Structures are given as structure tokens and as C-alpha cells.
């Protein structure tokens, strides 16, 4: 399922932003966000061997893939489908369709993968229809959140003079961060 969806989208995937603003909102942002998350999950897999590596990799690769259809592109806007349905549901529907074509619709792994996609924003007030209920979904939410926040923090700190505070950062609850004098 992951291979089928990736192959169908790989050319756009490497060029598309991950968002219209805030994190990874530039050409290639979606693929960079996904790569960083894949790198982040690797140590967790060695520490917590009960996590399913294949399921976690599939969830990371596919979690934001439908942003390709949710957002028109760099400096783009949300599409009608993106505004009315959103990438979590769009991707779950896509996974379901591919699973049916491949004859996997009754597999538990498909159900778990769809749960990961639906719950990867972690909280209902952040757009998740479900909260994470398996370890892989919980980790997907955490690394997605960490990468989105730490990427923005790094970008803002690059533009901040040592010994001063950043401006308020929206994705970090409008907090300001101090940059050490080095």
C-alpha cells in the first residue's frame, strides 16, 4: 500500500510544501519533514522493540501524503477538498481504496495504518478524529509534533541575534526563546 501510494505521488512529493505557513512551507518541505521523522523514529525502535517497524515507517511516509491534494503548492491555498475534508481523512480514504484494489482491505495492518493517519494530530482540538490508541500512532504524533516545532525554532533562531529573544513563535504557543551568546 505504501509503495503504491508513494510511487503514484513521488514526483510531486519531493517538490510540495508540508504546509501553507508555519513549518516546512517551502519547495521540498513535505519530503524533508518526512525524512526527518523517519530519522527520528529509528532510535525509538531500538529502545522500544514492541513497536512495529514496518507499520511505523508506513505511517510516517503516508501521514501527510494527501497534503499534495489538500494544498495547491508553495504559497498556495487550501483546495476545496482540503478545507472540507482535510489530509487526515483524505489519506485514510486513499489507503482504503488502495487496500481494496490489492485485496488487503480485511488485514489488521490496514486498520492500524488508517488509525495512525486519523490520529496523527494527537488531539481532537488539533484536527484528529481519533486520539492515538496504539504505540505506533502515539510515536507518530510525537515525532510529527517535535519536527514541526523544532524546525520552526531552528529557523527563527538563525535570524535571532545571540543574547536576545526571538519574536513570539506561533507554533510554540506564541512563546519567545532565548538565543545564548555562544
Protein backbone atom coordinates (compact mmCIF):
# COMPACT_ATOMS: atom_id res chain seq x y z
CA UNK A 1 0.00 0.00 0.00
CA UNK A 2 2.77 2.42 0.99
CA UNK A 3 4.80 1.59 -2.13
CA UNK A 4 1.77 2.04 -4.40
CA UNK A 5 0.85 5.43 -2.94
CA UNK A 6 4.47 6.62 -2.85
CA UNK A 7 5.13 5.60 -6.47
CA UNK A 8 1.98 7.41 -7.65
CA UNK A 9 2.99 10.64 -5.87
CA UNK A 10 6.79 10.66 -5.69
CA UNK A 11 7.42 13.43 -8.23
CA UNK A 12 5.04 15.87 -6.57
CA UNK A 13 6.01 14.66 -3.07
CA UNK A 14 9.60 15.89 -3.45
CA UNK A 15 8.51 19.35 -4.60
CA UNK A 16 5.49 20.01 -2.37
CA UNK A 17 5.45 22.04 0.85
CA UNK A 18 4.25 20.44 4.09
CA UNK A 19 2.10 23.46 4.95
CA UNK A 20 0.97 26.88 3.71
CA UNK A 21 2.70 28.58 6.66
CA UNK A 22 4.49 27.74 9.90
CA UNK A 23 6.50 24.54 9.31
CA UNK A 24 8.17 23.28 6.13
CA UNK A 25 6.18 25.74 3.99
CA UNK A 26 8.61 25.71 1.07
CA UNK A 27 9.51 23.66 -2.00
CA UNK A 28 10.55 20.20 -0.81
CA UNK A 29 9.24 20.79 2.70
CA UNK A 30 6.97 17.74 2.67
CA UNK A 31 9.76 15.32 1.80
CA UNK A 32 12.21 16.94 4.25
CA UNK A 33 9.62 16.71 7.05
CA UNK A 34 9.05 13.03 6.23
CA UNK A 35 12.78 12.26 6.07
CA UNK A 36 13.44 13.97 9.40
CA UNK A 37 10.64 12.00 11.01
CA UNK A 38 11.99 8.72 9.62
CA UNK A 39 15.38 9.59 11.13
CA UNK A 40 13.73 10.44 14.46
CA UNK A 41 11.83 7.14 14.81
CA UNK A 42 14.90 4.94 14.33
CA UNK A 43 16.28 5.32 17.90
CA UNK A 44 12.81 4.74 19.37
CA UNK A 45 12.59 1.43 17.52
CA UNK A 46 15.78 0.19 19.18
CA UNK A 47 14.65 1.37 22.63
CA UNK A 48 11.06 0.10 22.35
CA UNK A 49 11.23 -3.20 20.42
CA UNK A 50 7.47 -3.79 20.73
CA UNK A 51 6.86 -1.08 18.11
CA UNK A 52 6.20 -2.44 14.61
CA UNK A 53 8.93 -1.01 12.34
CA UNK A 54 7.06 -1.55 9.06
CA UNK A 55 3.85 -0.04 10.40
CA UNK A 56 5.69 2.95 11.82
CA UNK A 57 7.62 3.60 8.59
CA UNK A 58 4.40 3.32 6.56
CA UNK A 59 2.63 5.76 8.90
CA UNK A 60 5.49 8.28 8.71
CA UNK A 61 5.72 8.08 4.92
CA UNK A 62 1.97 8.36 4.38
CA UNK A 63 0.85 10.63 7.24
CA UNK A 64 0.99 13.88 5.23
CA UNK A 65 0.98 12.48 1.67
CA UNK A 66 -2.51 13.85 0.98
CA UNK A 67 -1.24 17.38 1.58
CA UNK A 68 -0.40 17.12 -2.12
CA UNK A 69 -4.15 17.33 -2.75
CA UNK A 70 -5.01 19.44 0.30
CA UNK A 71 -2.72 22.37 -0.61
CA UNK A 72 -2.26 23.79 -4.11
CA UNK A 73 1.52 24.20 -3.70
CA UNK A 74 4.12 26.67 -2.46
CA UNK A 75 2.45 29.95 -1.49
CA UNK A 76 -0.71 28.07 -2.27
CA UNK A 77 -4.10 27.84 -0.72
CA UNK A 78 -6.13 25.00 0.61
CA UNK A 79 -8.19 23.20 -2.01
CA UNK A 80 -11.93 22.80 -1.56
CA UNK A 81 -11.40 19.13 -0.66
CA UNK A 82 -8.63 20.16 1.73
CA UNK A 83 -10.89 22.61 3.52
CA UNK A 84 -13.94 20.35 3.62
CA UNK A 85 -12.26 17.01 4.37
CA UNK A 86 -8.59 17.55 5.26
CA UNK A 87 -5.48 15.47 4.68
CA UNK A 88 -6.07 13.02 7.55
CA UNK A 89 -9.37 11.81 6.16
CA UNK A 90 -8.26 12.17 2.53
CA UNK A 91 -5.24 9.91 3.14
CA UNK A 92 -7.30 7.36 5.07
CA UNK A 93 -9.74 7.11 2.16
CA UNK A 94 -6.80 6.75 -0.25
CA UNK A 95 -5.26 3.95 1.84
CA UNK A 96 -8.63 2.21 1.96
CA UNK A 97 -9.00 2.40 -1.83
CA UNK A 98 -5.52 1.01 -2.50
CA UNK A 99 -6.04 -1.74 0.09
CA UNK A 100 -9.25 -2.78 -1.68
CA UNK A 101 -7.53 -2.86 -5.08
CA UNK A 102 -4.75 -5.02 -3.66
CA UNK A 103 -7.14 -7.30 -1.74
CA UNK A 104 -5.83 -6.22 1.69
CA UNK A 105 -8.95 -4.50 3.00
CA UNK A 106 -9.51 -7.09 5.76
CA UNK A 107 -5.91 -7.04 7.06
CA UNK A 108 -5.36 -5.78 10.59
CA UNK A 109 -2.30 -3.83 9.42
CA UNK A 110 -4.51 -1.73 7.14
CA UNK A 111 -6.82 -0.90 10.02
CA UNK A 112 -3.86 0.09 12.20
CA UNK A 113 -2.33 2.20 9.43
CA UNK A 114 -5.61 4.04 8.90
CA UNK A 115 -5.83 4.63 12.66
CA UNK A 116 -2.32 6.12 12.61
CA UNK A 117 -3.25 8.54 9.86
CA UNK A 118 -6.52 9.57 11.52
CA UNK A 119 -4.84 10.13 14.90
CA UNK A 120 -1.52 11.71 13.92
CA UNK A 121 -2.54 15.19 15.11
CA UNK A 122 -2.94 13.63 18.53
CA UNK A 123 -5.81 15.63 19.94
CA UNK A 124 -9.35 16.24 18.80
CA UNK A 125 -8.87 20.02 19.04
CA UNK A 126 -5.90 19.74 16.62
CA UNK A 127 -8.00 18.04 13.95
CA UNK A 128 -7.61 14.37 14.80
CA UNK A 129 -10.87 12.45 14.59
CA UNK A 130 -9.31 9.93 16.99
CA UNK A 131 -6.61 10.05 19.68
CA UNK A 132 -3.71 7.60 19.26
CA UNK A 133 -4.58 4.15 20.60
CA UNK A 134 -1.54 2.12 19.53
CA UNK A 135 2.11 2.77 20.29
CA UNK A 136 3.00 3.47 16.67
CA UNK A 137 0.28 6.12 16.42
CA UNK A 138 1.47 7.74 19.64
CA UNK A 139 5.05 7.92 18.39
CA UNK A 140 3.91 9.24 15.00
CA UNK A 141 2.09 12.09 16.76
CA UNK A 142 5.09 12.88 18.96
CA UNK A 143 7.71 12.95 16.19
CA UNK A 144 5.40 14.89 13.87
CA UNK A 145 4.86 17.48 16.59
CA UNK A 146 8.55 17.61 17.54
CA UNK A 147 9.75 18.08 13.98
CA UNK A 148 7.22 20.79 13.19
CA UNK A 149 8.16 22.75 16.32
CA UNK A 150 11.94 22.24 16.33
CA UNK A 151 12.23 23.06 12.62
CA UNK A 152 10.48 26.39 13.14
CA UNK A 153 12.51 27.10 16.28
CA UNK A 154 15.75 26.49 14.37
CA UNK A 155 14.68 28.75 11.52
CA UNK A 156 13.74 31.56 13.91
CA UNK A 157 16.92 31.18 15.98
CA UNK A 158 19.01 31.52 12.79
CA UNK A 159 17.57 35.02 12.38
CA UNK A 160 17.96 35.96 16.06
CA UNK A 161 20.97 37.81 17.45
CA UNK A 162 22.85 35.99 20.23
CA UNK A 163 21.92 37.29 23.66
CA UNK A 164 18.37 38.20 22.60
CA UNK A 165 14.97 36.58 22.48
CA UNK A 166 13.08 35.51 19.38
CA UNK A 167 9.79 37.10 18.46
CA UNK A 168 6.73 35.14 19.54
CA UNK A 169 6.57 31.83 17.66
CA UNK A 170 3.02 30.82 16.73
CA UNK A 171 3.61 27.03 16.61
CA UNK A 172 5.23 27.20 20.05
CA UNK A 173 2.23 28.71 21.84
CA UNK A 174 3.47 32.20 20.96
CA UNK A 175 6.42 31.76 23.31
CA UNK A 176 9.74 33.58 22.88
CA UNK A 177 13.04 31.72 23.10
CA UNK A 178 16.43 32.99 24.19
CA UNK A 179 19.47 32.51 21.95
CA UNK A 180 22.61 32.05 24.03
CA UNK A 181 25.61 34.33 23.40
CA UNK A 182 27.79 31.31 22.47
